[in-house]
Protein backbone atom coordinates (compact mmCIF):
# COMPACT_ATOMS: atom_id res chain seq x y z
CA MET A 1 -6.36 -1.00 15.94
CA SER A 2 -7.97 -3.69 13.83
CA ALA A 3 -8.50 -2.71 10.22
CA VAL A 4 -7.93 -3.93 6.71
CA VAL A 5 -5.02 -2.26 4.93
CA VAL A 6 -5.54 -2.20 1.16
CA LYS A 7 -2.64 -1.18 -1.05
CA CYS A 8 -3.57 0.07 -4.52
CA GLY A 9 -0.62 -0.34 -6.87
CA GLY A 10 0.52 2.78 -8.67
CA SER A 11 0.39 0.85 -11.97
CA LEU A 12 -3.41 0.75 -11.63
CA LEU A 13 -3.92 4.51 -11.72
CA ASN A 14 -4.39 4.54 -15.50
CA LEU A 15 -7.37 2.16 -15.40
CA PRO A 16 -10.32 3.97 -17.04
CA ASP A 17 -12.78 2.30 -14.64
CA LEU A 18 -10.54 2.37 -11.58
CA GLU A 19 -13.23 3.85 -9.34
CA ALA A 20 -15.76 1.09 -10.12
CA ARG A 21 -13.19 -1.69 -9.79
CA LEU A 22 -11.79 -0.30 -6.55
CA GLU A 23 -15.25 0.17 -5.02
CA SER A 24 -16.21 -3.40 -5.99
CA VAL A 25 -13.17 -4.88 -4.26
CA LEU A 26 -13.46 -2.68 -1.18
CA ASP A 27 -17.07 -3.80 -0.75
CA GLN A 28 -15.77 -7.35 -0.24
CA PHE A 29 -14.30 -6.27 3.09
CA SER A 30 -17.29 -4.33 4.40
CA PRO A 31 -18.07 -3.50 7.15
CA GLU A 32 -14.42 -3.51 8.25
CA PRO A 33 -12.79 -0.07 8.34
CA ILE A 34 -10.28 0.19 5.49
CA ALA A 35 -6.97 2.03 5.36
CA LEU A 36 -6.21 2.61 1.68
CA VAL A 37 -2.53 3.05 0.79
CA CYS A 38 -1.58 4.16 -2.72
CA GLY A 39 1.63 3.14 -4.47
CA GLY A 40 4.04 5.60 -6.03
CA GLY A 41 3.67 4.44 -9.64
CA GLU A 42 5.08 6.71 -12.32
CA ALA A 43 5.71 9.50 -9.82
CA ALA A 44 8.02 7.20 -7.82
CA ASN A 45 9.69 6.07 -11.05
CA LEU A 46 10.47 9.72 -11.75
CA VAL A 47 12.16 9.91 -8.34
CA ARG A 48 14.24 6.84 -9.30
CA THR A 49 15.31 8.63 -12.48
CA TRP A 50 16.26 11.74 -10.52
CA ASP A 51 18.20 9.64 -8.02
CA HIS A 52 20.22 7.95 -10.78
CA GLN A 53 20.79 11.24 -12.59
CA PHE A 54 21.49 13.54 -9.65
CA ASN A 55 22.60 11.06 -6.95
CA LEU A 56 20.02 12.27 -4.45
CA GLY A 57 21.08 9.76 -1.82
CA PRO A 58 18.85 7.39 0.16
CA ASP A 59 17.31 9.93 2.53
CA ARG A 60 16.18 12.46 -0.07
CA ALA A 61 15.10 9.75 -2.53
CA HIS A 62 13.11 7.98 0.20
CA ASP A 63 11.34 11.18 1.25
CA LEU A 64 10.47 12.07 -2.35
CA ALA A 65 9.18 8.55 -3.04
CA ILE A 66 6.93 8.73 0.04
CA ALA A 67 5.72 12.13 -1.18
CA ALA A 68 4.88 10.47 -4.52
CA MET A 69 2.63 8.05 -2.64
CA SER A 70 0.79 10.93 -0.96
CA PHE A 71 0.49 12.73 -4.31
CA ASN A 72 -1.16 9.67 -5.87
CA ALA A 73 -3.34 9.19 -2.81
CA ARG A 74 -4.84 12.63 -3.44
CA PHE A 75 -5.92 11.36 -6.85
CA LEU A 76 -7.57 8.30 -5.27
CA LEU A 77 -9.35 10.55 -2.80
CA ALA A 78 -10.91 12.48 -5.68
CA LEU A 79 -12.46 9.32 -7.16
CA SER A 80 -15.17 8.75 -4.56
CA SER A 81 -17.11 10.84 -2.05
CA ARG A 82 -17.00 7.73 0.15
CA PHE A 83 -13.25 8.13 0.66
CA GLN A 84 -11.88 10.21 3.54
CA TRP A 85 -8.41 11.72 3.80
CA CYS A 86 -6.44 10.38 6.75
CA SER A 87 -3.28 12.08 8.03
CA THR A 88 -3.12 10.85 11.62
CA LEU A 89 -3.44 7.70 13.65
CA GLU A 90 -6.16 9.37 15.71
CA GLU A 91 -8.32 9.85 12.60
CA LEU A 92 -7.84 6.22 11.68
CA GLU A 93 -8.66 4.97 15.17
CA SER A 94 -11.99 6.77 15.05
CA SER A 95 -12.97 5.00 11.83
CA ALA A 96 -16.57 3.92 11.57
CA ALA A 97 -17.58 0.55 10.18
CA GLY A 98 -17.48 0.58 6.39
CA SER A 99 -15.30 3.69 6.19
CA VAL A 100 -12.45 4.02 3.69
CA HIS A 101 -9.56 6.20 4.81
CA VAL A 102 -7.06 7.19 2.13
CA ILE A 103 -3.71 7.32 3.89
CA ASP A 104 -1.45 10.36 3.60
CA ALA A 105 1.80 8.39 3.59
CA VAL A 106 4.00 11.36 4.46
CA THR A 107 2.29 12.27 7.73
CA MET A 108 1.15 8.78 8.74
CA ILE A 109 4.61 7.24 8.35
CA ARG A 110 6.18 10.12 10.25
CA GLN A 111 3.76 9.59 13.14
CA LEU A 112 4.08 5.80 13.18
CA GLU A 113 7.88 5.97 13.11
CA GLN A 114 7.86 8.00 16.33
CA SER A 115 6.48 5.01 18.23
CA SER A 116 8.01 2.21 16.15
CA SER A 117 10.94 0.14 17.31
CA ARG A 118 11.79 -0.43 13.67
CA PRO A 119 11.66 2.58 11.32
CA LEU A 120 11.42 1.96 7.60
CA GLU A 121 14.64 1.20 5.78
CA ARG A 122 15.51 4.15 3.58
CA SER A 123 16.51 2.47 0.32
CA TRP A 124 15.09 1.31 -3.01
CA ASN A 125 14.86 -2.20 -1.49
CA VAL A 126 11.72 -0.86 0.18
CA THR A 127 8.90 0.14 -2.17
CA SER A 128 5.23 0.82 -1.49
CA ASP A 129 4.48 -2.91 -1.02
CA SER A 130 6.83 -3.11 1.97
CA ILE A 131 5.64 0.29 3.17
CA ALA A 132 2.03 -0.95 3.13
CA ALA A 133 3.12 -4.09 5.02
CA TRP A 134 5.00 -1.94 7.55
CA ILE A 135 1.91 0.27 8.02
CA ALA A 136 -0.30 -2.82 8.43
CA THR A 137 2.07 -4.25 11.04
CA SER A 138 2.30 -0.90 12.85
CA LEU A 139 -1.50 -0.68 12.95
CA LYS A 140 -1.80 -4.34 14.03
CA ALA A 141 -4.07 -4.88 11.05
CA LYS A 142 -5.45 -8.38 10.67
CA ARG A 143 -5.33 -8.29 6.86
CA LEU A 144 -3.26 -6.73 4.07
CA VAL A 145 -4.68 -6.72 0.55
CA LEU A 146 -2.39 -6.00 -2.40
CA LEU A 147 -4.21 -4.73 -5.50
CA LYS A 148 -1.97 -5.40 -8.47
CA SER A 149 -1.84 -5.37 -12.29
CA VAL A 150 -0.74 -9.01 -12.58
CA ASP A 151 -1.60 -12.39 -11.08
CA ALA A 152 0.39 -13.78 -8.20
CA VAL A 153 2.66 -16.76 -8.83
CA GLN A 154 1.38 -20.22 -7.96
CA ALA A 155 1.73 -21.37 -4.34
CA SER A 156 2.54 -17.80 -3.41
CA SER A 157 4.42 -16.80 -0.32
CA PRO A 158 5.98 -13.42 0.43
CA ARG A 159 9.36 -14.97 -0.39
CA SER A 160 8.27 -16.45 -3.73
CA LEU A 161 6.73 -13.12 -4.72
CA ALA A 162 9.99 -11.35 -3.90
CA LEU A 163 12.03 -13.91 -5.84
CA ALA A 164 9.72 -13.40 -8.82
CA GLU A 165 10.27 -9.62 -8.42
CA LEU A 166 6.53 -9.04 -8.02
CA VAL A 167 7.24 -7.28 -4.71
CA ASP A 168 10.41 -5.68 -3.36
CA PRO A 169 13.16 -7.70 -1.61
CA MET A 170 12.21 -6.54 1.89
CA PHE A 171 8.52 -7.44 1.62
CA PRO A 172 8.84 -10.93 3.20
CA ASP A 173 10.47 -9.39 6.26
CA TYR A 174 7.98 -6.54 6.69
CA ALA A 175 5.00 -8.82 6.04
CA ALA A 176 6.03 -11.58 8.45
CA ALA A 177 3.74 -10.53 11.31
CA ILE A 178 0.58 -9.93 9.25
CA PRO A 179 -2.02 -12.68 9.91
CA SER A 180 -3.59 -12.63 6.45
CA ILE A 181 -2.36 -11.33 3.08
CA ASP A 182 -4.39 -11.34 -0.12
CA TRP A 183 -3.36 -10.56 -3.70
CA ILE A 184 -5.95 -9.34 -6.22
CA ASN A 185 -5.27 -8.59 -9.89
CA LEU A 186 -7.50 -5.54 -10.28
CA ARG A 187 -7.13 -5.64 -14.06
CA ASP A 188 -8.77 -9.08 -14.13
CA ASP A 189 -12.54 -8.79 -14.42
CA GLN A 190 -13.01 -11.68 -11.97
CA PHE A 191 -11.03 -10.00 -9.15
CA CYS A 192 -9.72 -13.42 -8.14
CA ARG A 193 -8.21 -13.35 -4.68
CA THR A 194 -5.02 -15.31 -3.95
CA SER A 195 -4.07 -15.97 -0.34
CA ILE A 196 -0.41 -15.38 0.39
CA SER A 197 0.89 -17.74 3.03
CA GLY A 198 4.10 -17.49 5.00
């Protein structure tokens, strides 16, 4: 399907005016259907702490981190009556123009992995940025938009962002097939968009 995948960083969930800022940015991509992926944020950081403390192992830590993304997505869903919960590929494929589907990472990833030739790596080298890129690639999305709390580095590429530790190490690999990637600092009142080139 052709859609815009927008990843809302978990660090943005404490913005007092998150709903207004998010709606303003999403309107820039209307009338394209939007798949909204939420990062793990503090909930995923808690999973990291548990993994270090209790040695959960990559499989259990991965599953809990994905669950953290779905937990945060439920919060995003509550922000706007415009948003629709999306658990399956079939729901996403029936998206109307201008719709915003908040992705349930747990069920969507499980379904996409059944038909993928490359399942997600189960390690802390893969965070929600790479997961969003993997989802965008799996959906054959023409654009991935990363909503962040900081500006991108100058002359940004997926590799330079990874080297600057603004995305995870696997992001350049998972993002390689995406035609267009944008970076927006949602904390900046101007919502300046930076194009990320390969």
